Amino acid sequence: MELVEVCRDSQTKAVVNLHGATLQSWINNGEEMIFVSKDAVFNNVKAIRGGIPVVFPCFGAWDMGPQHGFARTSKWTCSKPPFMDESGNAVATFTLVDTEDTRKMWNGNKFEVNYTVVVKTDCLVTKFTVCNQNSMESFDFTCLLHTYFLLPDVSKTTISGLGGLLYVDKTDGGKEKTEESDPKTISQFTDSVYKNASKDHLLTNVAGGRTINIKKMNFPDTVVWNPWAEKAKAMADFGDDQYRNMV
């Protein structure tokens, strides 16, 4: 593994794996906030089960290539190694550009993706920028920051900002439904894509019993996922009981 540590101090830092630019760890004031499966595979081929995998250029099934695209299994470069900004925050930028393989897969498109990670005293900031390098042609894409949050007990966690929203229930054949709970709790297999969701979500009872305020911009949809017991057992790189400790 090639790891880059973005360190504000010994108690507040992040670790990014250049395989997929996957953020494997975010320690905030001594507490790990990010879930990584104990059975995750680190072979620089398979996507890492946990952390914050970068999904691009397609969220979900993709006719042109692997599910969730190629970014999470590609080798990224650390284009701006970690440094301290004027506010004392630790900052690093990771870059992915097109290759012969990606152009064959994705209509010959040329692109540059920059992913910046900022570690502050009280929060983690991620910024995802896509630049079209084609001379004339536009392209469409979808992207997702597939964040696995570490929890002591998923049954005691709530998620705000979803009540009344339309969502696609991928556990029920993709039926469109309306979320009736606010805040939402999780007690079964959940794979829901909420449309035009709030820019803010409160996630309660995460690691250390904390509440995380998730703020997002230019990511209109929100996905909530937990495989629950049966699906967890079906995944070789996910511990059978670890569904209790993530969302």
Protein backbone atom coordinates (compact mmCIF):
# COMPACT_ATOMS: atom_id res chain seq x y z
CA MET A 1 0.00 0.00 0.00
CA GLU A 2 1.07 3.55 -0.68
CA LEU A 3 -0.33 5.74 2.08
CA VAL A 4 -0.28 9.50 2.53
CA GLU A 5 -0.77 10.92 6.02
CA VAL A 6 -2.47 14.32 6.17
CA CYS A 7 -1.61 15.27 9.71
CA ARG A 8 -2.66 18.38 11.63
CA ASP A 9 -1.27 16.94 14.86
CA SER A 10 -0.86 13.52 16.46
CA GLN A 11 -4.51 13.45 17.53
CA THR A 12 -6.12 14.91 14.38
CA LYS A 13 -5.17 13.44 11.02
CA ALA A 14 -6.26 11.48 7.96
CA VAL A 15 -4.66 8.69 5.94
CA VAL A 16 -5.26 8.36 2.19
CA ASN A 17 -4.43 5.24 0.17
CA LEU A 18 -3.29 6.09 -3.37
CA HIS A 19 -5.27 3.04 -4.52
CA GLY A 20 -8.53 4.79 -5.36
CA ALA A 21 -7.52 7.86 -3.33
CA THR A 22 -9.46 6.07 -0.60
CA LEU A 23 -9.41 7.91 2.71
CA GLN A 24 -8.80 5.02 5.10
CA SER A 25 -8.74 6.91 8.36
CA TRP A 26 -9.87 10.18 9.90
CA ILE A 27 -8.87 10.57 13.52
CA ASN A 28 -10.47 13.59 15.15
CA ASN A 29 -9.17 14.54 18.61
CA GLY A 30 -7.95 10.99 19.13
CA GLU A 31 -11.13 9.26 17.94
CA GLU A 32 -11.33 7.22 14.71
CA MET A 33 -14.42 8.30 12.79
CA ILE A 34 -14.15 6.11 9.68
CA PHE A 35 -15.06 2.43 9.32
CA VAL A 36 -12.83 0.00 7.43
CA SER A 37 -13.78 -3.67 7.34
CA LYS A 38 -11.50 -6.03 9.24
CA ASP A 39 -11.64 -8.24 6.13
CA ALA A 40 -10.92 -5.49 3.60
CA VAL A 41 -8.55 -6.51 0.80
CA PHE A 42 -5.49 -4.33 0.20
CA ASN A 43 -4.09 -5.73 -3.05
CA ASN A 44 -4.17 -2.55 -5.19
CA VAL A 45 -6.75 -4.26 -7.43
CA LYS A 46 -10.00 -4.64 -5.49
CA ALA A 47 -11.85 -1.61 -4.14
CA ILE A 48 -11.19 -1.10 -0.42
CA ARG A 49 -14.17 -2.07 1.72
CA GLY A 50 -14.55 0.99 3.90
CA GLY A 51 -13.08 4.45 4.26
CA ILE A 52 -14.23 6.96 1.65
CA PRO A 53 -13.96 5.34 -1.80
CA VAL A 54 -14.22 7.80 -4.69
CA VAL A 55 -16.92 6.76 -7.18
CA PHE A 56 -16.45 8.16 -10.72
CA PRO A 57 -17.55 8.38 -13.54
CA CYS A 58 -20.63 6.32 -12.69
CA PHE A 59 -22.52 5.60 -9.49
CA GLY A 60 -23.98 2.11 -9.50
CA ALA A 61 -24.12 -0.36 -12.39
CA TRP A 62 -22.28 0.81 -15.50
CA ASP A 63 -22.62 -0.61 -19.01
CA MET A 64 -19.13 0.53 -20.03
CA GLY A 65 -17.14 -0.90 -17.14
CA PRO A 66 -17.15 -2.02 -13.49
CA GLN A 67 -19.81 -0.99 -11.01
CA HIS A 68 -19.10 2.45 -9.55
CA GLY A 69 -16.62 3.20 -12.34
CA PHE A 70 -12.84 2.98 -12.32
CA ALA A 71 -11.71 5.76 -9.95
CA ARG A 72 -11.92 3.70 -6.76
CA THR A 73 -9.62 1.02 -8.23
CA SER A 74 -7.21 3.31 -10.09
CA LYS A 75 -3.78 4.45 -8.97
CA TRP A 76 -3.91 8.15 -8.08
CA THR A 77 -1.00 10.53 -7.58
CA CYS A 78 -0.46 12.90 -4.68
CA SER A 79 -0.18 16.04 -6.81
CA LYS A 80 0.11 18.38 -3.81
CA PRO A 81 1.82 16.64 -0.89
CA PRO A 82 0.57 17.46 2.62
CA PHE A 83 1.24 20.98 3.85
CA MET A 84 -0.10 23.32 6.52
CA ASP A 85 -2.18 26.22 5.26
CA GLU A 86 -2.25 29.69 6.80
CA SER A 87 -4.93 28.58 9.26
CA GLY A 88 -2.91 25.61 10.47
CA ASN A 89 -5.00 23.02 8.64
CA ALA A 90 -3.37 20.02 6.97
CA VAL A 91 -4.08 19.88 3.22
CA ALA A 92 -3.25 17.46 0.38
CA THR A 93 -4.53 17.02 -3.18
CA PHE A 94 -4.80 13.77 -5.15
CA THR A 95 -5.15 13.60 -8.93
CA LEU A 96 -6.44 11.09 -11.47
CA VAL A 97 -6.09 11.59 -15.23
CA ASP A 98 -7.25 9.53 -18.17
CA THR A 99 -5.20 6.60 -19.40
CA GLU A 100 -5.33 4.39 -22.47
CA ASP A 101 -7.45 1.93 -20.50
CA THR A 102 -9.97 4.54 -19.28
CA ARG A 103 -10.28 6.05 -22.75
CA LYS A 104 -11.05 2.62 -24.21
CA MET A 105 -13.66 2.11 -21.51
CA TRP A 106 -15.24 5.55 -21.50
CA ASN A 107 -15.71 6.88 -25.05
CA GLY A 108 -12.16 8.18 -25.36
CA ASN A 109 -12.80 10.91 -22.79
CA LYS A 110 -9.90 12.95 -21.48
CA PHE A 111 -10.22 14.32 -17.96
CA GLU A 112 -8.48 15.41 -14.80
CA VAL A 113 -10.00 14.78 -11.38
CA ASN A 114 -8.61 16.55 -8.33
CA TYR A 115 -9.56 15.45 -4.84
CA THR A 116 -8.48 17.68 -1.98
CA VAL A 117 -8.52 16.58 1.67
CA VAL A 118 -8.37 19.19 4.45
CA VAL A 119 -7.99 18.17 8.09
CA LYS A 120 -9.17 20.84 10.53
CA THR A 121 -9.44 20.77 14.30
CA ASP A 122 -13.16 20.03 14.25
CA CYS A 123 -13.93 18.69 10.79
CA LEU A 124 -12.81 16.94 7.64
CA VAL A 125 -13.32 18.77 4.33
CA THR A 126 -13.22 16.99 0.96
CA LYS A 127 -13.40 18.76 -2.39
CA PHE A 128 -13.94 16.87 -5.66
CA THR A 129 -13.32 18.68 -8.97
CA VAL A 130 -13.72 17.25 -12.48
CA CYS A 131 -12.11 18.99 -15.47
CA ASN A 132 -13.09 18.00 -19.00
CA GLN A 133 -9.88 17.88 -21.09
CA ASN A 134 -11.62 17.03 -24.37
CA SER A 135 -11.06 19.67 -27.03
CA MET A 136 -14.71 20.03 -28.04
CA GLU A 137 -16.83 17.17 -26.70
CA SER A 138 -18.82 17.33 -23.45
CA PHE A 139 -19.36 14.29 -21.26
CA ASP A 140 -21.83 13.23 -18.59
CA PHE A 141 -20.80 11.61 -15.34
CA THR A 142 -22.01 10.84 -11.85
CA CYS A 143 -19.85 10.72 -8.74
CA LEU A 144 -20.15 9.77 -5.10
CA LEU A 145 -18.01 10.01 -1.98
CA HIS A 146 -18.94 6.63 -0.50
CA THR A 147 -18.31 7.48 3.17
CA TYR A 148 -18.36 4.64 5.70
CA PHE A 149 -18.93 6.12 9.17
CA LEU A 150 -17.82 4.14 12.22
CA LEU A 151 -20.55 3.52 14.80
CA PRO A 152 -20.68 1.79 18.17
CA ASP A 153 -24.21 0.51 17.45
CA VAL A 154 -26.19 1.23 14.27
CA SER A 155 -29.50 0.67 16.05
CA LYS A 156 -28.82 3.77 18.17
CA THR A 157 -27.83 6.03 15.27
CA THR A 158 -30.20 8.52 13.64
CA ILE A 159 -29.93 10.51 10.40
CA SER A 160 -31.76 13.82 10.03
CA GLY A 161 -32.73 15.75 6.90
CA LEU A 162 -34.45 12.92 5.02
CA GLY A 163 -38.07 13.16 6.15
CA GLY A 164 -40.60 13.70 3.37
CA LEU A 165 -38.09 13.09 0.58
CA LEU A 166 -38.64 10.85 -2.43
CA TYR A 167 -36.14 8.02 -2.58
CA VAL A 168 -35.33 5.00 -4.72
CA ASP A 169 -35.46 1.85 -2.60
CA LYS A 170 -32.85 -0.43 -4.16
CA THR A 171 -33.78 -3.20 -1.71
CA ASP A 172 -37.28 -3.30 -3.23
CA GLY A 173 -36.68 -3.40 -6.96
CA GLY A 174 -35.94 0.31 -7.28
CA LYS A 175 -39.43 1.41 -6.26
CA GLU A 176 -39.83 5.12 -5.57
CA LYS A 177 -41.10 5.86 -2.07
CA THR A 178 -41.45 8.75 0.37
CA GLU A 179 -39.43 8.77 3.57
CA GLU A 180 -41.80 8.95 6.52
CA SER A 181 -39.23 8.96 9.31
CA ASP A 182 -37.33 12.02 10.52
CA PRO A 183 -34.86 11.38 11.91
CA LYS A 184 -34.31 8.05 10.21
CA THR A 185 -33.17 4.93 12.05
CA ILE A 186 -31.80 1.72 10.54
CA SER A 187 -33.00 -1.73 11.55
CA GLN A 188 -32.72 -3.75 8.32
CA PHE A 189 -30.99 -3.97 4.94
CA THR A 190 -31.02 -0.40 3.63
CA ASP A 191 -29.97 0.94 0.23
CA SER A 192 -31.82 4.17 -0.45
CA VAL A 193 -31.04 7.01 -2.85
CA TYR A 194 -32.72 10.22 -1.68
CA LYS A 195 -33.41 12.78 -4.39
CA ASN A 196 -32.71 16.49 -3.90
CA ALA A 197 -31.82 15.94 -0.27
CA SER A 198 -30.97 18.58 2.28
CA LYS A 199 -27.49 20.11 2.23
CA ASP A 200 -27.18 19.22 5.91
CA HIS A 201 -27.60 15.93 7.76
CA LEU A 202 -27.02 15.22 11.43
CA LEU A 203 -25.66 11.74 12.11
CA THR A 204 -25.96 10.91 15.80
CA ASN A 205 -24.20 8.36 18.02
CA VAL A 206 -21.17 7.84 15.83
CA ALA A 207 -17.74 6.93 17.22
CA GLY A 208 -17.27 8.21 20.73
CA GLY A 209 -21.01 8.94 20.97
CA ARG A 210 -20.53 12.07 18.88
CA THR A 211 -22.85 13.77 16.41
CA ILE A 212 -21.50 14.59 12.96
CA ASN A 213 -22.91 17.44 10.92
CA ILE A 214 -22.59 16.45 7.27
CA LYS A 215 -22.58 19.50 4.99
CA LYS A 216 -22.51 19.06 1.23
CA MET A 217 -22.58 21.25 -1.87
CA ASN A 218 -23.21 20.22 -5.50
CA PHE A 219 -24.08 16.69 -4.34
CA PRO A 220 -27.89 16.89 -4.57
CA ASP A 221 -28.63 13.27 -3.67
CA THR A 222 -27.87 11.37 -0.48
CA VAL A 223 -27.42 7.60 -0.26
CA VAL A 224 -27.99 5.62 2.93
CA TRP A 225 -26.64 2.07 2.97
CA ASN A 226 -26.22 -0.75 5.44
CA PRO A 227 -26.00 -4.38 4.24
CA TRP A 228 -27.43 -5.86 7.44
CA ALA A 229 -26.77 -9.43 8.50
CA GLU A 230 -27.58 -11.51 5.41
CA LYS A 231 -25.82 -9.27 2.91
CA ALA A 232 -22.83 -8.86 5.23
CA LYS A 233 -22.34 -12.63 5.31
CA ALA A 234 -22.45 -12.73 1.51
CA MET A 235 -19.49 -10.31 1.18
CA ALA A 236 -16.08 -11.93 1.59
CA ASP A 237 -14.43 -8.62 2.50
CA PHE A 238 -16.98 -7.63 5.15
CA GLY A 239 -17.15 -9.12 8.64
CA ASP A 240 -20.37 -11.01 9.35
CA ASP A 241 -21.26 -8.83 12.34
CA GLN A 242 -19.70 -5.56 11.24
CA TYR A 243 -22.92 -4.16 9.80
CA ARG A 244 -23.66 -3.15 13.40
CA ASN A 245 -20.73 -0.73 13.36
CA MET A 246 -21.18 1.28 10.17
CA VAL A 247 -23.47 3.30 7.98
